[in-house]
Protein backbone atom coordinates (compact mmCIF):
# COMPACT_ATOMS: atom_id res chain seq x y z
CA MET A 1 49.45 81.81 3.88
CA GLU A 2 46.46 82.21 6.17
CA PRO A 3 45.92 79.29 8.60
CA GLN A 4 43.41 76.96 7.00
CA LEU A 5 42.07 73.44 6.63
CA LYS A 6 42.17 72.18 3.05
CA ASP A 7 40.07 69.24 1.90
CA SER A 8 39.76 67.21 -1.28
CA VAL A 9 38.21 63.92 -2.42
CA THR A 10 39.86 61.47 -4.83
CA ASP A 11 38.76 57.90 -5.57
CA GLY A 12 36.68 57.60 -2.41
CA VAL A 13 39.36 59.05 -0.11
CA ALA A 14 38.81 62.45 1.51
CA THR A 15 41.98 64.21 2.65
CA VAL A 16 41.94 67.03 5.19
CA VAL A 17 45.21 68.96 5.43
CA ILE A 18 46.12 71.13 8.43
CA ALA A 19 47.90 74.10 6.88
CA ASN A 20 49.58 76.74 9.03
CA PRO A 21 53.23 76.24 8.08
CA ALA A 22 54.42 79.47 9.70
CA LYS A 23 53.53 77.95 13.08
CA ARG A 24 54.22 74.25 12.45
CA ASN A 25 50.58 73.75 11.48
CA ALA A 26 49.27 74.91 14.84
CA MET A 27 45.48 75.04 14.96
CA SER A 28 44.05 78.56 15.17
CA ALA A 29 40.70 79.23 16.84
CA GLY A 30 39.12 79.56 13.40
CA MET A 31 40.52 76.21 12.29
CA TRP A 32 39.12 74.47 15.38
CA ARG A 33 35.71 76.01 14.68
CA ALA A 34 35.82 75.08 10.99
CA LEU A 35 36.68 71.40 11.36
CA PRO A 36 33.24 70.07 12.48
CA GLY A 37 31.52 71.67 9.48
CA ILE A 38 34.08 70.22 7.06
CA LEU A 39 33.64 66.79 8.60
CA GLU A 40 29.85 67.02 8.45
CA ARG A 41 30.01 67.86 4.74
CA LEU A 42 32.43 65.01 3.98
CA ALA A 43 30.42 62.51 6.04
CA ALA A 44 27.32 63.32 3.98
CA ASP A 45 29.15 62.85 0.67
CA PRO A 46 28.44 59.34 -0.69
CA ALA A 47 31.65 59.52 -2.71
CA VAL A 48 33.68 59.55 0.52
CA ARG A 49 34.54 56.12 1.91
CA VAL A 50 37.63 56.98 3.98
CA LEU A 51 39.09 60.13 5.54
CA VAL A 52 42.80 60.89 5.91
CA LEU A 53 43.95 63.70 8.22
CA THR A 54 47.47 65.05 7.76
CA GLY A 55 49.58 68.18 8.02
CA GLU A 56 51.11 70.29 5.28
CA GLY A 57 54.82 69.80 4.71
CA ASP A 58 56.98 68.01 7.28
CA THR A 59 54.80 68.59 10.39
CA PHE A 60 51.46 67.09 11.37
CA CYS A 61 50.30 69.65 13.94
CA ALA A 62 52.15 71.40 16.76
CA GLY A 63 48.94 71.89 18.75
CA ALA A 64 46.84 74.94 19.38
CA ASP A 65 48.18 78.37 18.49
CA ILE A 66 49.48 79.31 21.95
CA SER A 67 49.62 83.01 21.08
CA THR A 68 45.81 83.10 21.08
CA LEU A 69 45.28 81.25 24.35
CA ARG A 70 45.74 84.30 26.60
CA GLU A 71 42.68 85.97 25.11
CA SER A 72 40.50 82.94 24.41
CA GLY A 73 42.01 79.94 26.19
CA GLU A 74 38.84 78.37 27.56
CA GLU A 75 36.87 79.14 24.42
CA GLN A 76 39.59 77.57 22.27
CA GLN A 77 39.73 74.49 24.49
CA THR A 78 35.98 74.05 24.10
CA ALA A 79 36.28 74.44 20.33
CA SER A 80 39.11 71.90 20.21
CA VAL A 81 37.03 69.33 22.10
CA ARG A 82 34.10 69.88 19.74
CA ALA A 83 36.42 69.35 16.78
CA GLU A 84 37.90 66.24 18.38
CA GLU A 85 34.45 64.81 19.10
CA ALA A 86 33.31 65.53 15.54
CA LEU A 87 36.36 63.66 14.22
CA ALA A 88 35.81 60.72 16.58
CA ALA A 89 32.15 60.55 15.53
CA PHE A 90 32.93 60.62 11.79
CA PRO A 91 30.94 57.57 10.60
CA LYS A 92 33.52 56.24 8.13
CA PRO A 93 37.11 55.03 8.73
CA THR A 94 39.59 57.77 9.61
CA LEU A 95 43.38 57.63 9.41
CA ALA A 96 45.92 60.16 10.71
CA ALA A 97 49.11 60.36 8.62
CA VAL A 98 51.73 61.80 10.98
CA ARG A 99 55.17 63.18 10.27
CA GLY A 100 57.22 65.58 12.35
CA PHE A 101 55.62 67.12 15.42
CA CYS A 102 52.26 65.81 16.66
CA VAL A 103 51.88 67.70 19.92
CA GLY A 104 49.08 69.01 22.14
CA GLY A 105 46.01 69.52 19.98
CA GLY A 106 47.77 67.61 17.21
CA SER A 107 47.92 64.50 19.37
CA GLN A 108 44.33 65.19 20.40
CA LEU A 109 43.24 65.08 16.74
CA ALA A 110 45.38 62.04 15.93
CA ALA A 111 43.92 60.14 18.89
CA ALA A 112 40.40 60.90 17.65
CA CYS A 113 41.12 59.11 14.37
CA ASP A 114 40.50 55.38 14.08
CA LEU A 115 44.09 54.64 13.03
CA ARG A 116 47.43 56.44 13.07
CA PHE A 117 50.35 55.79 10.69
CA ALA A 118 53.56 57.70 11.38
CA GLU A 119 56.93 58.43 9.84
CA GLU A 120 60.12 57.56 11.68
CA GLY A 121 61.47 60.58 13.53
CA SER A 122 58.02 61.91 14.44
CA ARG A 123 57.61 63.40 17.91
CA PHE A 124 54.50 63.27 20.05
CA GLY A 125 53.37 65.05 23.19
CA ILE A 126 50.32 65.56 25.41
CA THR A 127 51.23 68.87 26.99
CA PRO A 128 48.47 70.52 29.11
CA SER A 129 50.59 70.18 32.28
CA LYS A 130 53.09 72.62 30.76
CA LEU A 131 50.35 75.26 30.48
CA GLY A 132 48.29 74.55 33.59
CA LEU A 133 45.32 73.43 31.50
CA VAL A 134 42.82 70.70 32.32
CA TYR A 135 42.77 68.04 29.62
CA ARG A 136 39.06 67.47 29.14
CA SER A 137 37.47 64.21 30.28
CA SER A 138 36.60 62.90 26.81
CA SER A 139 40.15 63.52 25.58
CA THR A 140 41.64 61.87 28.66
CA ARG A 141 39.46 58.78 28.35
CA ARG A 142 40.27 58.45 24.65
CA LEU A 143 44.00 58.67 25.36
CA ALA A 144 43.76 56.08 28.15
CA ALA A 145 41.82 53.72 25.88
CA LEU A 146 44.63 53.95 23.32
CA VAL A 147 47.73 53.61 25.49
CA GLY A 148 46.45 52.33 28.86
CA PRO A 149 45.94 54.19 32.15
CA SER A 150 49.56 54.14 33.33
CA THR A 151 51.03 55.47 30.09
CA ALA A 152 48.25 58.07 29.82
CA LYS A 153 49.13 59.30 33.31
CA TYR A 154 52.84 59.39 32.46
CA LEU A 155 52.20 61.47 29.37
CA LEU A 156 49.68 63.83 30.98
CA PHE A 157 51.61 64.25 34.25
CA SER A 158 54.95 64.99 32.57
CA GLY A 159 54.05 66.66 29.27
CA GLU A 160 57.30 65.23 27.90
CA LEU A 161 57.65 64.50 24.20
CA PHE A 162 57.97 60.86 23.19
CA ASP A 163 59.42 59.40 20.01
CA ALA A 164 57.76 57.36 17.28
CA ASP A 165 59.17 54.06 18.57
CA ARG A 166 57.51 54.62 21.92
CA ALA A 167 54.30 55.72 20.19
CA LEU A 168 54.28 52.42 18.30
CA ARG A 169 55.15 50.39 21.37
CA THR A 170 52.42 51.92 23.53
CA GLY A 171 49.73 51.66 20.85
CA PHE A 172 49.38 55.36 20.11
CA VAL A 173 50.60 54.60 16.57
CA ASP A 174 49.51 51.58 14.52
CA GLU A 175 52.24 51.57 11.87
CA LEU A 176 55.66 53.24 11.62
CA HIS A 177 57.36 53.83 8.26
CA PRO A 178 60.74 55.05 7.01
CA VAL A 179 61.15 58.65 5.93
CA GLY A 180 59.72 59.02 2.44
CA ALA A 181 57.51 55.91 2.60
CA LEU A 182 54.52 57.22 4.58
CA ASP A 183 52.51 58.78 1.76
CA LYS A 184 52.69 55.65 -0.39
CA ARG A 185 51.61 53.38 2.47
CA VAL A 186 48.76 55.69 3.49
CA ALA A 187 47.52 55.87 -0.11
CA GLU A 188 47.70 52.08 -0.46
CA PHE A 189 45.88 51.41 2.79
CA ALA A 190 43.25 54.07 2.13
CA ARG A 191 42.50 52.36 -1.19
CA VAL A 192 42.14 49.05 0.64
CA LEU A 193 39.70 50.57 3.12
CA ALA A 194 37.72 52.24 0.32
CA SER A 195 37.36 48.87 -1.44
CA ARG A 196 35.93 47.07 1.60
CA SER A 197 32.34 46.99 2.81
CA LEU A 198 31.43 50.31 4.39
CA LEU A 199 28.56 48.47 6.09
CA THR A 200 31.04 46.26 7.96
CA GLN A 201 33.27 49.21 8.81
CA VAL A 202 30.51 51.50 10.09
CA ALA A 203 28.95 48.75 12.23
CA ALA A 204 32.34 47.75 13.65
CA LYS A 205 33.18 51.36 14.46
CA GLU A 206 29.88 51.86 16.30
CA PHE A 207 30.35 48.63 18.29
CA ILE A 208 34.01 49.27 19.18
CA ASP A 209 33.38 52.90 20.15
CA GLY A 210 30.34 51.91 22.22
CA ARG A 211 27.83 54.12 20.45
CA LEU A 212 25.42 51.38 19.38
CA ASP A 213 25.28 47.72 20.38
CA ARG A 214 22.02 46.55 18.79
CA ASP A 215 22.89 43.66 16.47
CA ASP A 216 19.36 43.63 15.06
CA HIS A 217 19.78 47.13 13.65
CA TRP A 218 22.87 46.16 11.67
CA LEU A 219 21.46 42.81 10.57
CA GLU A 220 18.53 44.73 9.10
CA GLN A 221 20.93 47.14 7.41
CA ALA A 222 22.86 44.19 5.96
CA ARG A 223 19.74 42.56 4.56
CA GLY A 224 18.64 45.82 2.94
CA SER A 225 22.05 46.67 1.48
CA GLY A 226 22.79 43.51 -0.46
CA ASP A 227 26.45 43.70 0.58
CA PRO A 228 26.58 40.18 2.12
CA ALA A 229 25.19 38.56 -1.03
CA GLU A 230 27.56 40.59 -3.22
CA GLY A 231 30.55 39.69 -1.04
CA VAL A 232 29.83 35.95 -1.21
CA ALA A 233 29.14 36.07 -4.96
CA ALA A 234 32.36 38.00 -5.61
CA PHE A 235 34.36 35.50 -3.57
CA LEU A 236 32.92 32.52 -5.43
CA GLU A 237 33.37 34.22 -8.81
CA ARG A 238 36.95 35.26 -7.96
CA ARG A 239 36.36 38.96 -8.63
CA ALA A 240 36.49 42.19 -6.66
CA PRO A 241 33.20 42.90 -4.84
CA ARG A 242 31.09 45.94 -5.70
CA PHE A 243 29.66 46.98 -2.37
CA THR A 244 26.85 49.55 -2.51
CA TYR A 245 26.05 50.39 1.12
CA GLY A 246 26.17 54.14 1.59
CA LEU A 247 26.12 54.98 -2.12
């Protein structure tokens, strides 16, 4: 199978699958370049309410395809940062579903998602120090925001792999699940996210990520969407709300 990114949309949930099983789902240069375009298309699709990023089979992503770095190392690093930034800027909730190895560029992509759920036994690593590469500033700041400055330094200085328990303890992972239970939990939680107000989620994401802090903009969006009135009415009528923002 050629290295590729596969995407699909079902019931409001877009799933992007990293597929390069011959190399533990390592990201090729072409895959890094393709990801921003895929994300742009999915972001513009009103049917998409949530995005799940995962790997094919029993591995999330083993990083960049090291065999291509000798010829195009700097170019590939730049492409990986562009892909990471596109994922971080995706306007709707994003969730990384991690099993197996999540190393190098894999951890970079997982960190760019809003949330990360992992399977027990997964292994993580931030490994530029093993290759003499400079981890770009945006990636470094994002990692430090997730796990704290001291842990970020430990991981970047050493390049050592860490287990899923440590990932959960340091905040790199939000939930940890037994082998065989991850897909069910991700599907359940993605459905929950898709049922909630996208207006609330998009505004919260912009505020938390520091991209926009004008309350008046979002109050205007709320008034125009009708979501607040629908949410209150649904609560009082004891029914599921039918939010329409973004549709």
